[in-house]
């Protein structure tokens, strides 16, 4: 009987702790807090796959190249918008710090599986990547995770459709190259910068 009561009390205590954690996360959704499960969950609720990174949550159809001028509805983060602003926002929400400015100009190609594997093994998960798509368009993505064994990359990015559409998906290497074909620089979760010379081993 005593053991039964102890088990019931233990279950009740665990449930109370979970409830209090959930309440605290809800109460703090609008303030900066240490990154963790609840913060990442909030990001995915705010911008799920198929949503739009815009102030109206609708497609943003007034882009003029990389510029979003009024009355454009692009959301801005730290002055950046579209793919760059979204990828930087994802990095902050996952890693609790911002991506620094980088003026790298040389590109590391991901055209071969060997280069892709080398890149992914060096930069790891939860990283910000700036480069070009397969058709040469400047783009930025947030890599959530990858598997060199399965040859897949899970990516969170925006504006591949030119209308601030949000994408969250796991892609094969060939599919990922549509999003990121060559890398200008990468900022890792542990705050290291990788440019061409680091990626190419020069």
C-alpha atoms as a PDB file:
ATOM      1  CA  UNK A   1       0.000   0.000   0.000  1.00  0.00           C
ATOM      2  CA  UNK A   2       2.810   2.327   0.955  1.00  0.00           C
ATOM      3  CA  UNK A   3       4.612   1.695  -2.362  1.00  0.00           C
ATOM      4  CA  UNK A   4       1.399   2.336  -4.291  1.00  0.00           C
ATOM      5  CA  UNK A   5       0.955   5.702  -2.576  1.00  0.00           C
ATOM      6  CA  UNK A   6       4.589   6.590  -3.301  1.00  0.00           C
ATOM      7  CA  UNK A   7       4.128   5.781  -6.996  1.00  0.00           C
ATOM      8  CA  UNK A   8       0.961   7.892  -7.161  1.00  0.00           C
ATOM      9  CA  UNK A   9       2.746  10.813  -5.503  1.00  0.00           C
ATOM     10  CA  UNK A  10       5.722  10.488  -7.900  1.00  0.00           C
ATOM     11  CA  UNK A  11       3.432  10.538 -10.953  1.00  0.00           C
ATOM     12  CA  UNK A  12       1.554  13.540  -9.583  1.00  0.00           C
ATOM     13  CA  UNK A  13       4.822  15.424  -8.949  1.00  0.00           C
ATOM     14  CA  UNK A  14       6.060  14.738 -12.490  1.00  0.00           C
ATOM     15  CA  UNK A  15       2.765  15.896 -13.985  1.00  0.00           C
ATOM     16  CA  UNK A  16       2.859  19.070 -11.891  1.00  0.00           C
ATOM     17  CA  UNK A  17       6.410  19.819 -13.040  1.00  0.00           C
ATOM     18  CA  UNK A  18       5.490  19.388 -16.719  1.00  0.00           C
ATOM     19  CA  UNK A  19       2.442  21.608 -16.296  1.00  0.00           C
ATOM     20  CA  UNK A  20       4.476  24.336 -14.600  1.00  0.00           C
ATOM     21  CA  UNK A  21       7.133  24.200 -17.355  1.00  0.00           C
ATOM     22  CA  UNK A  22       4.465  24.466 -20.048  1.00  0.00           C
ATOM     23  CA  UNK A  23       2.859  27.415 -18.280  1.00  0.00           C
ATOM     24  CA  UNK A  24       6.206  29.188 -17.912  1.00  0.00           C
ATOM     25  CA  UNK A  25       6.990  28.710 -21.604  1.00  0.00           C
ATOM     26  CA  UNK A  26       3.602  30.104 -22.607  1.00  0.00           C
ATOM     27  CA  UNK A  27       3.995  33.079 -20.312  1.00  0.00           C
ATOM     28  CA  UNK A  28       7.434  33.886 -21.718  1.00  0.00           C
ATOM     29  CA  UNK A  29       6.689  33.411 -25.422  1.00  0.00           C
ATOM     30  CA  UNK A  30       6.980  37.148 -26.081  1.00  0.00           C
ATOM     31  CA  UNK A  31      10.327  37.688 -24.335  1.00  0.00           C
ATOM     32  CA  UNK A  32      13.843  36.518 -25.111  1.00  0.00           C
ATOM     33  CA  UNK A  33      14.685  33.346 -23.223  1.00  0.00           C
ATOM     34  CA  UNK A  34      17.348  30.647 -23.373  1.00  0.00           C
ATOM     35  CA  UNK A  35      16.982  28.531 -26.494  1.00  0.00           C
ATOM     36  CA  UNK A  36      15.436  25.145 -25.973  1.00  0.00           C
ATOM     37  CA  UNK A  37      12.555  22.884 -26.817  1.00  0.00           C
ATOM     38  CA  UNK A  38       9.811  25.440 -26.183  1.00  0.00           C
ATOM     39  CA  UNK A  39      11.492  28.206 -28.155  1.00  0.00           C
ATOM     40  CA  UNK A  40      12.053  25.975 -31.183  1.00  0.00           C
ATOM     41  CA  UNK A  41       8.497  24.674 -30.882  1.00  0.00           C
ATOM     42  CA  UNK A  42       7.259  28.273 -30.865  1.00  0.00           C
ATOM     43  CA  UNK A  43       9.233  29.009 -34.058  1.00  0.00           C
ATOM     44  CA  UNK A  44       7.702  26.021 -35.845  1.00  0.00           C
ATOM     45  CA  UNK A  45       4.203  27.036 -34.733  1.00  0.00           C
ATOM     46  CA  UNK A  46       4.819  30.589 -35.937  1.00  0.00           C
ATOM     47  CA  UNK A  47       6.268  29.610 -39.329  1.00  0.00           C
ATOM     48  CA  UNK A  48       5.283  26.063 -40.321  1.00  0.00           C
ATOM     49  CA  UNK A  49       6.049  24.580 -43.725  1.00  0.00           C
ATOM     50  CA  UNK A  50       3.831  26.296 -46.304  1.00  0.00           C
ATOM     51  CA  UNK A  51       3.399  29.532 -44.328  1.00  0.00           C
ATOM     52  CA  UNK A  52       4.808  32.943 -45.329  1.00  0.00           C
ATOM     53  CA  UNK A  53       7.455  35.105 -43.672  1.00  0.00           C
ATOM     54  CA  UNK A  54       5.360  38.238 -44.066  1.00  0.00           C
ATOM     55  CA  UNK A  55       3.517  40.643 -41.792  1.00  0.00           C
ATOM     56  CA  UNK A  56       0.173  39.486 -43.202  1.00  0.00           C
ATOM     57  CA  UNK A  57       1.068  35.749 -43.320  1.00  0.00           C
ATOM     58  CA  UNK A  58       0.128  35.961 -47.018  1.00  0.00           C
ATOM     59  CA  UNK A  59       2.436  35.743 -50.076  1.00  0.00           C
ATOM     60  CA  UNK A  60       4.608  38.842 -50.471  1.00  0.00           C
ATOM     61  CA  UNK A  61       4.384  39.824 -54.127  1.00  0.00           C
ATOM     62  CA  UNK A  62       6.110  43.220 -54.250  1.00  0.00           C
ATOM     63  CA  UNK A  63       9.799  42.252 -54.108  1.00  0.00           C
ATOM     64  CA  UNK A  64      12.154  44.372 -56.149  1.00  0.00           C
ATOM     65  CA  UNK A  65      15.149  42.043 -56.267  1.00  0.00           C
ATOM     66  CA  UNK A  66      16.597  41.928 -52.737  1.00  0.00           C
ATOM     67  CA  UNK A  67      14.717  45.069 -51.653  1.00  0.00           C
ATOM     68  CA  UNK A  68      11.439  45.153 -49.729  1.00  0.00           C
ATOM     69  CA  UNK A  69      10.074  48.679 -49.736  1.00  0.00           C
ATOM     70  CA  UNK A  70       6.708  49.864 -48.388  1.00  0.00           C
ATOM     71  CA  UNK A  71       4.002  48.683 -48.854  1.00  0.00           C
ATOM     72  CA  UNK A  72       5.829  45.353 -49.106  1.00  0.00           C
ATOM     73  CA  UNK A  73       4.918  42.938 -46.303  1.00  0.00           C
ATOM     74  CA  UNK A  74       8.284  41.207 -45.776  1.00  0.00           C
ATOM     75  CA  UNK A  75       9.165  40.607 -42.134  1.00  0.00           C
ATOM     76  CA  UNK A  76      12.561  42.052 -41.212  1.00  0.00           C
ATOM     77  CA  UNK A  77      15.023  40.641 -38.695  1.00  0.00           C
ATOM     78  CA  UNK A  78      18.059  42.757 -37.774  1.00  0.00           C
ATOM     79  CA  UNK A  79      17.457  44.778 -40.938  1.00  0.00           C
ATOM     80  CA  UNK A  80      17.411  41.726 -43.220  1.00  0.00           C
ATOM     81  CA  UNK A  81      14.368  40.276 -44.967  1.00  0.00           C
ATOM     82  CA  UNK A  82      13.312  37.401 -47.225  1.00  0.00           C
ATOM     83  CA  UNK A  83      15.633  34.360 -47.133  1.00  0.00           C
ATOM     84  CA  UNK A  84      18.442  36.102 -45.233  1.00  0.00           C
ATOM     85  CA  UNK A  85      16.204  37.528 -42.526  1.00  0.00           C
ATOM     86  CA  UNK A  86      14.390  34.230 -42.047  1.00  0.00           C
ATOM     87  CA  UNK A  87      17.540  32.084 -41.900  1.00  0.00           C
ATOM     88  CA  UNK A  88      19.111  34.489 -39.400  1.00  0.00           C
ATOM     89  CA  UNK A  89      15.936  34.429 -37.301  1.00  0.00           C
ATOM     90  CA  UNK A  90      15.965  30.612 -37.322  1.00  0.00           C
ATOM     91  CA  UNK A  91      19.601  30.629 -36.234  1.00  0.00           C
ATOM     92  CA  UNK A  92      18.789  32.940 -33.332  1.00  0.00           C
ATOM     93  CA  UNK A  93      15.776  30.908 -32.216  1.00  0.00           C
ATOM     94  CA  UNK A  94      17.768  27.649 -32.264  1.00  0.00           C
ATOM     95  CA  UNK A  95      21.113  28.932 -30.951  1.00  0.00           C
ATOM     96  CA  UNK A  96      20.373  32.059 -28.861  1.00  0.00           C
ATOM     97  CA  UNK A  97      22.806  34.325 -30.726  1.00  0.00           C
ATOM     98  CA  UNK A  98      22.932  36.234 -33.996  1.00  0.00           C
ATOM     99  CA  UNK A  99      24.835  35.658 -37.211  1.00  0.00           C
ATOM    100  CA  UNK A 100      27.703  38.171 -37.636  1.00  0.00           C
ATOM    101  CA  UNK A 101      28.364  40.138 -40.816  1.00  0.00           C
ATOM    102  CA  UNK A 102      30.642  38.407 -43.300  1.00  0.00           C
ATOM    103  CA  UNK A 103      31.944  39.739 -46.622  1.00  0.00           C
ATOM    104  CA  UNK A 104      33.367  36.500 -48.044  1.00  0.00           C
ATOM    105  CA  UNK A 105      33.322  36.491 -51.839  1.00  0.00           C
ATOM    106  CA  UNK A 106      34.653  33.087 -52.936  1.00  0.00           C
ATOM    107  CA  UNK A 107      32.243  30.156 -53.295  1.00  0.00           C
ATOM    108  CA  UNK A 108      32.669  26.500 -52.338  1.00  0.00           C
ATOM    109  CA  UNK A 109      30.817  24.236 -54.770  1.00  0.00           C
ATOM    110  CA  UNK A 110      28.501  21.476 -53.530  1.00  0.00           C
ATOM    111  CA  UNK A 111      28.179  19.971 -57.006  1.00  0.00           C
ATOM    112  CA  UNK A 112      29.797  16.668 -56.020  1.00  0.00           C
ATOM    113  CA  UNK A 113      28.696  14.288 -53.252  1.00  0.00           C
ATOM    114  CA  UNK A 114      32.261  14.355 -51.894  1.00  0.00           C
ATOM    115  CA  UNK A 115      32.150  18.143 -51.493  1.00  0.00           C
ATOM    116  CA  UNK A 116      28.668  17.925 -49.990  1.00  0.00           C
ATOM    117  CA  UNK A 117      29.796  15.348 -47.424  1.00  0.00           C
ATOM    118  CA  UNK A 118      32.913  17.361 -46.573  1.00  0.00           C
ATOM    119  CA  UNK A 119      30.808  20.489 -46.074  1.00  0.00           C
ATOM    120  CA  UNK A 120      28.150  18.850 -43.905  1.00  0.00           C
ATOM    121  CA  UNK A 121      30.663  17.009 -41.723  1.00  0.00           C
ATOM    122  CA  UNK A 122      32.547  20.259 -41.051  1.00  0.00           C
ATOM    123  CA  UNK A 123      29.623  22.576 -40.332  1.00  0.00           C
ATOM    124  CA  UNK A 124      27.329  20.232 -38.377  1.00  0.00           C
ATOM    125  CA  UNK A 125      23.700  20.879 -37.438  1.00  0.00           C
ATOM    126  CA  UNK A 126      21.787  24.087 -36.687  1.00  0.00           C
ATOM    127  CA  UNK A 127      23.906  26.308 -38.916  1.00  0.00           C
ATOM    128  CA  UNK A 128      23.323  29.356 -41.107  1.00  0.00           C
ATOM    129  CA  UNK A 129      24.479  29.080 -44.717  1.00  0.00           C
ATOM    130  CA  UNK A 130      24.780  31.879 -47.272  1.00  0.00           C
ATOM    131  CA  UNK A 131      25.451  31.117 -50.922  1.00  0.00           C
ATOM    132  CA  UNK A 132      23.707  30.541 -54.240  1.00  0.00           C
ATOM    133  CA  UNK A 133      20.968  28.262 -55.524  1.00  0.00           C
ATOM    134  CA  UNK A 134      21.393  25.901 -58.499  1.00  0.00           C
ATOM    135  CA  UNK A 135      20.366  28.719 -60.865  1.00  0.00           C
ATOM    136  CA  UNK A 136      22.854  31.199 -59.364  1.00  0.00           C
ATOM    137  CA  UNK A 137      20.393  33.205 -57.254  1.00  0.00           C
ATOM    138  CA  UNK A 138      21.769  34.479 -53.916  1.00  0.00           C
ATOM    139  CA  UNK A 139      20.128  32.543 -51.075  1.00  0.00           C
ATOM    140  CA  UNK A 140      20.432  31.763 -47.375  1.00  0.00           C
ATOM    141  CA  UNK A 141      19.218  28.678 -45.513  1.00  0.00           C
ATOM    142  CA  UNK A 142      19.205  27.277 -42.007  1.00  0.00           C
ATOM    143  CA  UNK A 143      20.360  23.657 -41.864  1.00  0.00           C
ATOM    144  CA  UNK A 144      18.532  21.896 -39.036  1.00  0.00           C
ATOM    145  CA  UNK A 145      20.305  18.552 -39.450  1.00  0.00           C
ATOM    146  CA  UNK A 146      21.839  16.227 -42.017  1.00  0.00           C
ATOM    147  CA  UNK A 147      22.730  12.596 -42.546  1.00  0.00           C
ATOM    148  CA  UNK A 148      25.763  11.692 -44.649  1.00  0.00           C
ATOM    149  CA  UNK A 149      24.717   8.059 -44.298  1.00  0.00           C
ATOM    150  CA  UNK A 150      21.307   8.656 -45.891  1.00  0.00           C
ATOM    151  CA  UNK A 151      22.563  11.556 -48.015  1.00  0.00           C
ATOM    152  CA  UNK A 152      19.842  13.905 -46.769  1.00  0.00           C
ATOM    153  CA  UNK A 153      19.687  17.464 -45.441  1.00  0.00           C
ATOM    154  CA  UNK A 154      16.834  18.926 -43.366  1.00  0.00           C
ATOM    155  CA  UNK A 155      16.411  22.593 -44.199  1.00  0.00           C
ATOM    156  CA  UNK A 156      14.366  25.532 -42.920  1.00  0.00           C
ATOM    157  CA  UNK A 157      14.309  28.383 -45.445  1.00  0.00           C
ATOM    158  CA  UNK A 158      12.141  30.956 -47.110  1.00  0.00           C
ATOM    159  CA  UNK A 159      11.553  32.701 -50.445  1.00  0.00           C
ATOM    160  CA  UNK A 160      12.460  29.910 -52.852  1.00  0.00           C
ATOM    161  CA  UNK A 161       9.122  30.835 -54.454  1.00  0.00           C
ATOM    162  CA  UNK A 162       9.972  34.550 -54.608  1.00  0.00           C
ATOM    163  CA  UNK A 163       7.010  35.329 -52.319  1.00  0.00           C
ATOM    164  CA  UNK A 164       8.491  34.684 -48.837  1.00  0.00           C
ATOM    165  CA  UNK A 165       7.055  31.164 -48.722  1.00  0.00           C
ATOM    166  CA  UNK A 166       8.481  29.092 -45.850  1.00  0.00           C
ATOM    167  CA  UNK A 167       9.814  25.597 -46.504  1.00  0.00           C
ATOM    168  CA  UNK A 168      10.721  22.971 -43.939  1.00  0.00           C
ATOM    169  CA  UNK A 169      11.746  19.631 -45.381  1.00  0.00           C
ATOM    170  CA  UNK A 170      14.268  16.835 -45.652  1.00  0.00           C
ATOM    171  CA  UNK A 171      15.916  16.684 -49.066  1.00  0.00           C
ATOM    172  CA  UNK A 172      18.266  14.384 -50.919  1.00  0.00           C
ATOM    173  CA  UNK A 173      21.630  15.898 -51.868  1.00  0.00           C
ATOM    174  CA  UNK A 174      20.390  16.609 -55.394  1.00  0.00           C
ATOM    175  CA  UNK A 175      17.232  18.289 -54.066  1.00  0.00           C
ATOM    176  CA  UNK A 176      19.238  20.304 -51.541  1.00  0.00           C
ATOM    177  CA  UNK A 177      21.408  21.668 -54.370  1.00  0.00           C
ATOM    178  CA  UNK A 178      18.330  23.498 -55.655  1.00  0.00           C
ATOM    179  CA  UNK A 179      18.391  25.433 -52.359  1.00  0.00           C
ATOM    180  CA  UNK A 180      22.166  25.682 -51.934  1.00  0.00           C
ATOM    181  CA  UNK A 181      24.514  24.810 -54.796  1.00  0.00           C
ATOM    182  CA  UNK A 182      27.553  26.819 -53.714  1.00  0.00           C
ATOM    183  CA  UNK A 183      28.471  28.188 -50.287  1.00  0.00           C
ATOM    184  CA  UNK A 184      29.791  31.683 -49.654  1.00  0.00           C
ATOM    185  CA  UNK A 185      30.097  31.191 -45.898  1.00  0.00           C
ATOM    186  CA  UNK A 186      28.570  29.256 -43.030  1.00  0.00           C
ATOM    187  CA  UNK A 187      28.103  30.143 -39.355  1.00  0.00           C
ATOM    188  CA  UNK A 188      27.955  27.042 -37.161  1.00  0.00           C
ATOM    189  CA  UNK A 189      25.977  26.368 -33.986  1.00  0.00           C
ATOM    190  CA  UNK A 190      29.186  26.680 -31.961  1.00  0.00           C
ATOM    191  CA  UNK A 191      29.825  30.099 -33.554  1.00  0.00           C
ATOM    192  CA  UNK A 192      32.590  29.220 -35.998  1.00  0.00           C
ATOM    193  CA  UNK A 193      32.774  30.788 -39.460  1.00  0.00           C
ATOM    194  CA  UNK A 194      33.582  28.576 -42.441  1.00  0.00           C
ATOM    195  CA  UNK A 195      34.583  30.220 -45.707  1.00  0.00           C
ATOM    196  CA  UNK A 196      36.057  28.751 -48.883  1.00  0.00           C
ATOM    197  CA  UNK A 197      39.561  28.282 -47.454  1.00  0.00           C
ATOM    198  CA  UNK A 198      38.296  26.293 -44.437  1.00  0.00           C
ATOM    199  CA  UNK A 199      35.907  24.202 -46.517  1.00  0.00           C
ATOM    200  CA  UNK A 200      38.480  23.500 -49.233  1.00  0.00           C
ATOM    201  CA  UNK A 201      41.212  22.807 -46.679  1.00  0.00           C
ATOM    202  CA  UNK A 202      43.528  25.541 -47.929  1.00  0.00           C
END
